[in-house]
Amino acid sequence: MSKSLKNAASDVANEYGFSSLQDILRVVLTQLSRRELVVSIEKPIRLSQKNANRYVKMSRDFAQNKNNKSFSSMQDLMTDLTT
């Protein structure tokens, strides 16, 4: 294992709250030995700054009940969506 890979993995383990790379490996190996480990490889979603700001504004608006709609029936909702 290259030193740069080990250092990068150790940094991420620390960010995740593990005290060392050995600590996270112990947890992973324990779960693996118990057949409790779920392996999933996903790329994180990274928003552009423009879109990140947009979603922050949307969240604020939602919390303040701004720029959102409510409907009394499914038909009203569908009419709004299709017009």
C-alpha atoms as a PDB file:
ATOM      1  CA  MET A   1       0.000   0.000   0.000  1.00  0.00           C
ATOM      2  CA  SER A   2       1.427   3.374  -0.946  1.00  0.00           C
ATOM      3  CA  LYS A   3       2.150   5.876   1.786  1.00  0.00           C
ATOM      4  CA  SER A   4      -0.100   8.485   0.146  1.00  0.00           C
ATOM      5  CA  LEU A   5      -3.035   6.035   0.050  1.00  0.00           C
ATOM      6  CA  LYS A   6      -2.478   5.106   3.686  1.00  0.00           C
ATOM      7  CA  ASN A   7      -2.289   8.762   4.731  1.00  0.00           C
ATOM      8  CA  ALA A   8      -5.414   9.703   2.772  1.00  0.00           C
ATOM      9  CA  ALA A   9      -7.354   6.763   4.222  1.00  0.00           C
ATOM     10  CA  SER A  10      -6.151   7.609   7.716  1.00  0.00           C
ATOM     11  CA  ASP A  11      -7.287  11.219   7.316  1.00  0.00           C
ATOM     12  CA  VAL A  12     -10.760  10.117   6.207  1.00  0.00           C
ATOM     13  CA  ALA A  13     -10.983   7.583   9.060  1.00  0.00           C
ATOM     14  CA  ASN A  14     -10.223  10.416  11.491  1.00  0.00           C
ATOM     15  CA  GLU A  15     -12.888  12.610   9.854  1.00  0.00           C
ATOM     16  CA  TYR A  16     -15.362   9.750  10.379  1.00  0.00           C
ATOM     17  CA  GLY A  17     -14.501   9.690  14.069  1.00  0.00           C
ATOM     18  CA  PHE A  18     -12.099   6.744  14.212  1.00  0.00           C
ATOM     19  CA  SER A  19      -8.938   7.190  16.242  1.00  0.00           C
ATOM     20  CA  SER A  20      -6.749   5.473  13.650  1.00  0.00           C
ATOM     21  CA  LEU A  21      -6.746   3.479  10.452  1.00  0.00           C
ATOM     22  CA  GLN A  22      -6.307   0.344  12.581  1.00  0.00           C
ATOM     23  CA  ASP A  23      -9.489   1.217  14.454  1.00  0.00           C
ATOM     24  CA  ILE A  24     -11.644   1.373  11.322  1.00  0.00           C
ATOM     25  CA  LEU A  25     -10.056  -1.804   9.950  1.00  0.00           C
ATOM     26  CA  ARG A  26     -10.869  -3.625  13.200  1.00  0.00           C
ATOM     27  CA  VAL A  27     -14.508  -2.545  12.917  1.00  0.00           C
ATOM     28  CA  VAL A  28     -14.731  -3.541   9.245  1.00  0.00           C
ATOM     29  CA  LEU A  29     -13.075  -6.925   9.820  1.00  0.00           C
ATOM     30  CA  THR A  30     -15.308  -7.654  12.823  1.00  0.00           C
ATOM     31  CA  GLN A  31     -18.424  -6.901  10.782  1.00  0.00           C
ATOM     32  CA  LEU A  32     -17.096  -8.941   7.855  1.00  0.00           C
ATOM     33  CA  SER A  33     -16.409 -11.945  10.092  1.00  0.00           C
ATOM     34  CA  ARG A  34     -20.009 -11.787  11.364  1.00  0.00           C
ATOM     35  CA  ARG A  35     -21.371 -11.414   7.818  1.00  0.00           C
ATOM     36  CA  GLU A  36     -22.805  -8.049   8.889  1.00  0.00           C
ATOM     37  CA  LEU A  37     -20.870  -5.921   6.415  1.00  0.00           C
ATOM     38  CA  VAL A  38     -22.795  -4.331   3.566  1.00  0.00           C
ATOM     39  CA  VAL A  39     -20.583  -3.163   0.736  1.00  0.00           C
ATOM     40  CA  SER A  40     -21.868  -0.300  -1.365  1.00  0.00           C
ATOM     41  CA  ILE A  41     -19.833   1.785  -3.750  1.00  0.00           C
ATOM     42  CA  GLU A  42     -21.402   5.125  -4.536  1.00  0.00           C
ATOM     43  CA  LYS A  43     -20.020   8.410  -5.723  1.00  0.00           C
ATOM     44  CA  PRO A  44     -21.068  11.326  -3.534  1.00  0.00           C
ATOM     45  CA  ILE A  45     -23.260  13.931  -5.148  1.00  0.00           C
ATOM     46  CA  ARG A  46     -21.431  17.222  -5.430  1.00  0.00           C
ATOM     47  CA  LEU A  47     -23.506  20.273  -6.213  1.00  0.00           C
ATOM     48  CA  SER A  48     -22.116  23.340  -7.894  1.00  0.00           C
ATOM     49  CA  GLN A  49     -21.990  26.390  -5.634  1.00  0.00           C
ATOM     50  CA  LYS A  50     -24.882  27.900  -7.606  1.00  0.00           C
ATOM     51  CA  ASN A  51     -27.091  24.863  -6.984  1.00  0.00           C
ATOM     52  CA  ALA A  52     -25.986  24.524  -3.357  1.00  0.00           C
ATOM     53  CA  ASN A  53     -27.092  28.129  -2.788  1.00  0.00           C
ATOM     54  CA  ARG A  54     -30.352  27.419  -4.605  1.00  0.00           C
ATOM     55  CA  TYR A  55     -31.168  24.472  -2.323  1.00  0.00           C
ATOM     56  CA  VAL A  56     -30.284  26.463   0.796  1.00  0.00           C
ATOM     57  CA  LYS A  57     -32.732  29.161  -0.333  1.00  0.00           C
ATOM     58  CA  MET A  58     -35.390  26.521  -1.091  1.00  0.00           C
ATOM     59  CA  SER A  59     -34.945  25.018   2.380  1.00  0.00           C
ATOM     60  CA  ARG A  60     -35.290  28.426   4.019  1.00  0.00           C
ATOM     61  CA  ASP A  61     -38.365  29.227   1.953  1.00  0.00           C
ATOM     62  CA  PHE A  62     -39.935  25.901   2.874  1.00  0.00           C
ATOM     63  CA  ALA A  63     -39.250  26.452   6.576  1.00  0.00           C
ATOM     64  CA  GLN A  64     -40.845  29.909   6.331  1.00  0.00           C
ATOM     65  CA  ASN A  65     -43.768  28.599   4.262  1.00  0.00           C
ATOM     66  CA  LYS A  66     -42.754  30.737   1.261  1.00  0.00           C
ATOM     67  CA  ASN A  67     -42.902  29.789  -2.408  1.00  0.00           C
ATOM     68  CA  ASN A  68     -44.730  26.531  -1.824  1.00  0.00           C
ATOM     69  CA  LYS A  69     -48.227  25.420  -2.675  1.00  0.00           C
ATOM     70  CA  SER A  70     -50.786  23.204  -1.049  1.00  0.00           C
ATOM     71  CA  PHE A  71     -53.670  21.400  -2.672  1.00  0.00           C
ATOM     72  CA  SER A  72     -56.934  20.085  -1.336  1.00  0.00           C
ATOM     73  CA  SER A  73     -57.146  17.226  -3.827  1.00  0.00           C
ATOM     74  CA  MET A  74     -55.029  15.109  -6.116  1.00  0.00           C
ATOM     75  CA  GLN A  75     -56.921  16.545  -9.071  1.00  0.00           C
ATOM     76  CA  ASP A  76     -55.939  20.092  -8.079  1.00  0.00           C
ATOM     77  CA  LEU A  77     -52.318  19.008  -7.825  1.00  0.00           C
ATOM     78  CA  MET A  78     -52.384  17.313 -11.228  1.00  0.00           C
ATOM     79  CA  THR A  79     -54.033  20.339 -12.816  1.00  0.00           C
ATOM     80  CA  ASP A  80     -51.312  22.596 -11.420  1.00  0.00           C
ATOM     81  CA  LEU A  81     -48.563  20.254 -12.631  1.00  0.00           C
ATOM     82  CA  THR A  82     -49.932  19.982 -16.156  1.00  0.00           C
ATOM     83  CA  THR A  83     -50.700  23.651 -16.748  1.00  0.00           C
END
